[in-house]
């Protein structure tokens, strides 16, 4: 990261600690309000709180689904028909694959929450540039800017990394 990027990041982190807009004090910021904010407000306290809330909600949903799956799999359904049994087993396998993907997502959510706490959230890990609010709203666990992610995917496609 260059000195200029580090300075910009430090200033933004400092302003986010000082930021106390009307939204930060009262009701949470909406997506529309978030997108209307100027670039100099990037990752201020209100924006960080918006993403913290979004990530915590996502984490709670994942954990809720995991417990529901556990309960669902504990149910012993005795079905004499082999075709019905096969269908139930396939549904269980699908549910377990879904939970495995959510387990991986949960790890990314926890990493994103840790980046919020450390002040690194919203900044590209490769370039140090802002990731962008639109990208973070669509994918709150993103840790690369769109350009850096595209470069990574192209390298993976070309070199099979």
C-alpha atoms as a PDB file:
ATOM      1  CA  UNK A   1       0.000   0.000   0.000  1.00  0.00           C
ATOM      2  CA  UNK A   2       1.396   3.427  -0.889  1.00  0.00           C
ATOM      3  CA  UNK A   3       1.821   6.226   1.619  1.00  0.00           C
ATOM      4  CA  UNK A   4      -1.024   8.142  -0.020  1.00  0.00           C
ATOM      5  CA  UNK A   5      -3.377   5.147   0.227  1.00  0.00           C
ATOM      6  CA  UNK A   6      -2.400   4.564   3.851  1.00  0.00           C
ATOM      7  CA  UNK A   7      -3.009   8.245   4.611  1.00  0.00           C
ATOM      8  CA  UNK A   8      -6.415   8.162   2.914  1.00  0.00           C
ATOM      9  CA  UNK A   9      -7.342   4.983   4.790  1.00  0.00           C
ATOM     10  CA  UNK A  10      -6.232   6.470   8.121  1.00  0.00           C
ATOM     11  CA  UNK A  11      -8.197   9.670   7.503  1.00  0.00           C
ATOM     12  CA  UNK A  12     -11.283   7.675   6.606  1.00  0.00           C
ATOM     13  CA  UNK A  13     -10.973   5.520   9.714  1.00  0.00           C
ATOM     14  CA  UNK A  14     -10.500   8.659  11.806  1.00  0.00           C
ATOM     15  CA  UNK A  15     -13.529  10.350  10.261  1.00  0.00           C
ATOM     16  CA  UNK A  16     -15.612   7.212  10.746  1.00  0.00           C
ATOM     17  CA  UNK A  17     -14.878   7.346  14.464  1.00  0.00           C
ATOM     18  CA  UNK A  18     -15.826  11.025  14.587  1.00  0.00           C
ATOM     19  CA  UNK A  19     -18.838  10.745  12.293  1.00  0.00           C
ATOM     20  CA  UNK A  20     -22.081  11.346  14.051  1.00  0.00           C
ATOM     21  CA  UNK A  21     -24.668  12.014  11.390  1.00  0.00           C
ATOM     22  CA  UNK A  22     -28.347  12.062  12.228  1.00  0.00           C
ATOM     23  CA  UNK A  23     -28.681   8.501  10.959  1.00  0.00           C
ATOM     24  CA  UNK A  24     -25.906   7.209  13.223  1.00  0.00           C
ATOM     25  CA  UNK A  25     -27.677   8.583  16.305  1.00  0.00           C
ATOM     26  CA  UNK A  26     -31.212   7.573  15.421  1.00  0.00           C
ATOM     27  CA  UNK A  27     -32.571   4.995  13.048  1.00  0.00           C
ATOM     28  CA  UNK A  28     -30.153   2.860  11.059  1.00  0.00           C
ATOM     29  CA  UNK A  29     -29.106   4.036   7.613  1.00  0.00           C
ATOM     30  CA  UNK A  30     -31.018   2.586   4.664  1.00  0.00           C
ATOM     31  CA  UNK A  31     -29.394   1.368   1.445  1.00  0.00           C
ATOM     32  CA  UNK A  32     -30.688   4.432  -0.396  1.00  0.00           C
ATOM     33  CA  UNK A  33     -29.247   6.810   2.207  1.00  0.00           C
ATOM     34  CA  UNK A  34     -25.995   4.892   2.134  1.00  0.00           C
ATOM     35  CA  UNK A  35     -25.655   5.242  -1.626  1.00  0.00           C
ATOM     36  CA  UNK A  36     -26.429   8.985  -1.465  1.00  0.00           C
ATOM     37  CA  UNK A  37     -23.507   9.660   0.885  1.00  0.00           C
ATOM     38  CA  UNK A  38     -20.473  11.396  -0.582  1.00  0.00           C
ATOM     39  CA  UNK A  39     -17.181   9.626  -1.245  1.00  0.00           C
ATOM     40  CA  UNK A  40     -15.506  11.475   1.633  1.00  0.00           C
ATOM     41  CA  UNK A  41     -17.950   9.736   4.023  1.00  0.00           C
ATOM     42  CA  UNK A  42     -16.745   6.302   2.867  1.00  0.00           C
ATOM     43  CA  UNK A  43     -16.782   3.833   5.767  1.00  0.00           C
ATOM     44  CA  UNK A  44     -17.943   6.347   8.354  1.00  0.00           C
ATOM     45  CA  UNK A  45     -19.577   5.136  11.564  1.00  0.00           C
ATOM     46  CA  UNK A  46     -23.076   4.968  10.052  1.00  0.00           C
ATOM     47  CA  UNK A  47     -21.900   2.915   7.078  1.00  0.00           C
ATOM     48  CA  UNK A  48     -19.886   0.558   9.266  1.00  0.00           C
ATOM     49  CA  UNK A  49     -22.900   0.072  11.538  1.00  0.00           C
ATOM     50  CA  UNK A  50     -25.094  -0.667   8.490  1.00  0.00           C
ATOM     51  CA  UNK A  51     -22.724  -3.404   7.320  1.00  0.00           C
ATOM     52  CA  UNK A  52     -22.166  -4.737  10.849  1.00  0.00           C
ATOM     53  CA  UNK A  53     -25.934  -5.141  11.252  1.00  0.00           C
ATOM     54  CA  UNK A  54     -26.275  -6.730   7.808  1.00  0.00           C
ATOM     55  CA  UNK A  55     -23.461  -9.206   8.526  1.00  0.00           C
ATOM     56  CA  UNK A  56     -24.758 -10.073  12.000  1.00  0.00           C
ATOM     57  CA  UNK A  57     -28.232 -10.737  10.567  1.00  0.00           C
ATOM     58  CA  UNK A  58     -26.701 -12.971   7.908  1.00  0.00           C
ATOM     59  CA  UNK A  59     -24.719 -14.830  10.582  1.00  0.00           C
ATOM     60  CA  UNK A  60     -27.837 -15.370  12.703  1.00  0.00           C
ATOM     61  CA  UNK A  61     -29.752 -16.684   9.674  1.00  0.00           C
ATOM     62  CA  UNK A  62     -26.986 -19.155   8.832  1.00  0.00           C
ATOM     63  CA  UNK A  63     -26.840 -20.428  12.418  1.00  0.00           C
ATOM     64  CA  UNK A  64     -30.641 -20.740  12.506  1.00  0.00           C
ATOM     65  CA  UNK A  65     -30.630 -22.781   9.292  1.00  0.00           C
ATOM     66  CA  UNK A  66     -27.906 -25.030  10.703  1.00  0.00           C
ATOM     67  CA  UNK A  67     -29.938 -25.817  13.799  1.00  0.00           C
ATOM     68  CA  UNK A  68     -33.046 -26.452  11.685  1.00  0.00           C
ATOM     69  CA  UNK A  69     -31.058 -28.868   9.536  1.00  0.00           C
ATOM     70  CA  UNK A  70     -29.821 -30.707  12.607  1.00  0.00           C
ATOM     71  CA  UNK A  71     -33.378 -31.105  13.857  1.00  0.00           C
ATOM     72  CA  UNK A  72     -34.590 -32.152  10.417  1.00  0.00           C
ATOM     73  CA  UNK A  73     -31.908 -34.813  10.025  1.00  0.00           C
ATOM     74  CA  UNK A  74     -32.671 -36.253  13.472  1.00  0.00           C
ATOM     75  CA  UNK A  75     -36.191 -37.112  12.408  1.00  0.00           C
ATOM     76  CA  UNK A  76     -36.347 -40.803  11.650  1.00  0.00           C
ATOM     77  CA  UNK A  77     -38.841 -41.415   8.913  1.00  0.00           C
ATOM     78  CA  UNK A  78     -39.303 -45.079   8.142  1.00  0.00           C
ATOM     79  CA  UNK A  79     -40.501 -45.451   4.593  1.00  0.00           C
ATOM     80  CA  UNK A  80     -40.896 -48.951   3.168  1.00  0.00           C
ATOM     81  CA  UNK A  81     -40.775 -47.871  -0.478  1.00  0.00           C
ATOM     82  CA  UNK A  82     -37.153 -47.749  -1.761  1.00  0.00           C
ATOM     83  CA  UNK A  83     -37.941 -44.909  -4.172  1.00  0.00           C
ATOM     84  CA  UNK A  84     -39.352 -42.756  -1.365  1.00  0.00           C
ATOM     85  CA  UNK A  85     -36.348 -43.598   0.812  1.00  0.00           C
ATOM     86  CA  UNK A  86     -34.004 -42.600  -1.999  1.00  0.00           C
ATOM     87  CA  UNK A  87     -35.861 -39.311  -2.434  1.00  0.00           C
ATOM     88  CA  UNK A  88     -35.563 -38.531   1.289  1.00  0.00           C
ATOM     89  CA  UNK A  89     -31.845 -39.385   1.247  1.00  0.00           C
ATOM     90  CA  UNK A  90     -31.297 -37.144  -1.775  1.00  0.00           C
ATOM     91  CA  UNK A  91     -33.121 -34.273  -0.032  1.00  0.00           C
ATOM     92  CA  UNK A  92     -30.883 -34.769   3.011  1.00  0.00           C
ATOM     93  CA  UNK A  93     -27.770 -34.772   0.826  1.00  0.00           C
ATOM     94  CA  UNK A  94     -28.882 -31.548  -0.859  1.00  0.00           C
ATOM     95  CA  UNK A  95     -29.594 -29.956   2.505  1.00  0.00           C
ATOM     96  CA  UNK A  96     -26.158 -30.962   3.789  1.00  0.00           C
ATOM     97  CA  UNK A  97     -24.445 -29.503   0.692  1.00  0.00           C
ATOM     98  CA  UNK A  98     -26.342 -26.262   1.222  1.00  0.00           C
ATOM     99  CA  UNK A  99     -25.279 -26.145   4.885  1.00  0.00           C
ATOM    100  CA  UNK A 100     -21.668 -26.796   3.856  1.00  0.00           C
ATOM    101  CA  UNK A 101     -21.783 -23.760   1.561  1.00  0.00           C
ATOM    102  CA  UNK A 102     -23.334 -21.750   4.389  1.00  0.00           C
ATOM    103  CA  UNK A 103     -20.582 -22.947   6.751  1.00  0.00           C
ATOM    104  CA  UNK A 104     -18.007 -21.507   4.341  1.00  0.00           C
ATOM    105  CA  UNK A 105     -20.039 -18.303   4.091  1.00  0.00           C
ATOM    106  CA  UNK A 106     -20.206 -18.115   7.893  1.00  0.00           C
ATOM    107  CA  UNK A 107     -16.406 -18.077   8.018  1.00  0.00           C
ATOM    108  CA  UNK A 108     -16.350 -15.182   5.522  1.00  0.00           C
ATOM    109  CA  UNK A 109     -19.000 -13.317   7.540  1.00  0.00           C
ATOM    110  CA  UNK A 110     -16.929 -13.672  10.706  1.00  0.00           C
ATOM    111  CA  UNK A 111     -13.828 -12.442   8.848  1.00  0.00           C
ATOM    112  CA  UNK A 112     -15.783  -9.429   7.557  1.00  0.00           C
ATOM    113  CA  UNK A 113     -16.985  -8.615  11.092  1.00  0.00           C
ATOM    114  CA  UNK A 114     -13.378  -8.834  12.273  1.00  0.00           C
ATOM    115  CA  UNK A 115     -12.336  -6.420   9.485  1.00  0.00           C
ATOM    116  CA  UNK A 116     -15.015  -3.979  10.676  1.00  0.00           C
ATOM    117  CA  UNK A 117     -13.575  -4.121  14.191  1.00  0.00           C
ATOM    118  CA  UNK A 118     -10.007  -3.658  12.934  1.00  0.00           C
ATOM    119  CA  UNK A 119     -10.945  -0.765  10.615  1.00  0.00           C
ATOM    120  CA  UNK A 120     -10.029  -2.620   7.406  1.00  0.00           C
ATOM    121  CA  UNK A 121     -13.591  -3.262   6.196  1.00  0.00           C
ATOM    122  CA  UNK A 122     -14.462  -1.740   2.834  1.00  0.00           C
ATOM    123  CA  UNK A 123     -10.876  -1.575   1.594  1.00  0.00           C
ATOM    124  CA  UNK A 124      -9.422  -3.898  -1.042  1.00  0.00           C
ATOM    125  CA  UNK A 125      -6.882  -6.315   0.422  1.00  0.00           C
ATOM    126  CA  UNK A 126      -4.773  -6.211  -2.767  1.00  0.00           C
ATOM    127  CA  UNK A 127      -4.814  -2.553  -3.740  1.00  0.00           C
ATOM    128  CA  UNK A 128      -5.909  -0.699  -0.605  1.00  0.00           C
ATOM    129  CA  UNK A 129      -8.551   1.151  -2.617  1.00  0.00           C
ATOM    130  CA  UNK A 130     -12.214   1.398  -1.594  1.00  0.00           C
ATOM    131  CA  UNK A 131     -14.250  -1.657  -2.596  1.00  0.00           C
ATOM    132  CA  UNK A 132     -17.347   0.447  -3.194  1.00  0.00           C
ATOM    133  CA  UNK A 133     -20.694   0.639  -1.457  1.00  0.00           C
ATOM    134  CA  UNK A 134     -22.672  -0.981  -4.281  1.00  0.00           C
ATOM    135  CA  UNK A 135     -20.414  -4.034  -4.249  1.00  0.00           C
ATOM    136  CA  UNK A 136     -20.508  -4.290  -0.455  1.00  0.00           C
ATOM    137  CA  UNK A 137     -24.303  -4.036  -0.413  1.00  0.00           C
ATOM    138  CA  UNK A 138     -24.521  -6.853  -2.951  1.00  0.00           C
ATOM    139  CA  UNK A 139     -21.781  -8.919  -1.282  1.00  0.00           C
ATOM    140  CA  UNK A 140     -21.040  -7.727   2.256  1.00  0.00           C
ATOM    141  CA  UNK A 141     -18.251 -10.295   2.668  1.00  0.00           C
ATOM    142  CA  UNK A 142     -16.243  -8.895  -0.283  1.00  0.00           C
ATOM    143  CA  UNK A 143     -12.599  -8.225   0.483  1.00  0.00           C
ATOM    144  CA  UNK A 144     -11.471  -7.254  -3.021  1.00  0.00           C
ATOM    145  CA  UNK A 145     -12.519  -4.408  -5.287  1.00  0.00           C
ATOM    146  CA  UNK A 146     -14.342  -5.400  -8.451  1.00  0.00           C
ATOM    147  CA  UNK A 147     -11.222  -4.838 -10.567  1.00  0.00           C
ATOM    148  CA  UNK A 148      -9.004  -6.899  -8.235  1.00  0.00           C
ATOM    149  CA  UNK A 149     -11.596  -9.704  -8.160  1.00  0.00           C
ATOM    150  CA  UNK A 150     -11.787  -9.714 -11.968  1.00  0.00           C
ATOM    151  CA  UNK A 151      -7.970  -9.930 -12.180  1.00  0.00           C
ATOM    152  CA  UNK A 152      -7.953 -12.823  -9.687  1.00  0.00           C
ATOM    153  CA  UNK A 153     -10.651 -14.700 -11.618  1.00  0.00           C
ATOM    154  CA  UNK A 154      -8.804 -14.159 -14.902  1.00  0.00           C
ATOM    155  CA  UNK A 155      -5.569 -15.521 -13.356  1.00  0.00           C
ATOM    156  CA  UNK A 156      -7.493 -18.531 -12.047  1.00  0.00           C
ATOM    157  CA  UNK A 157      -8.985 -19.142 -15.469  1.00  0.00           C
ATOM    158  CA  UNK A 158      -5.664 -18.781 -17.285  1.00  0.00           C
ATOM    159  CA  UNK A 159      -3.393 -20.571 -14.835  1.00  0.00           C
ATOM    160  CA  UNK A 160      -5.833 -22.840 -13.040  1.00  0.00           C
ATOM    161  CA  UNK A 161      -4.839 -21.540  -9.604  1.00  0.00           C
END
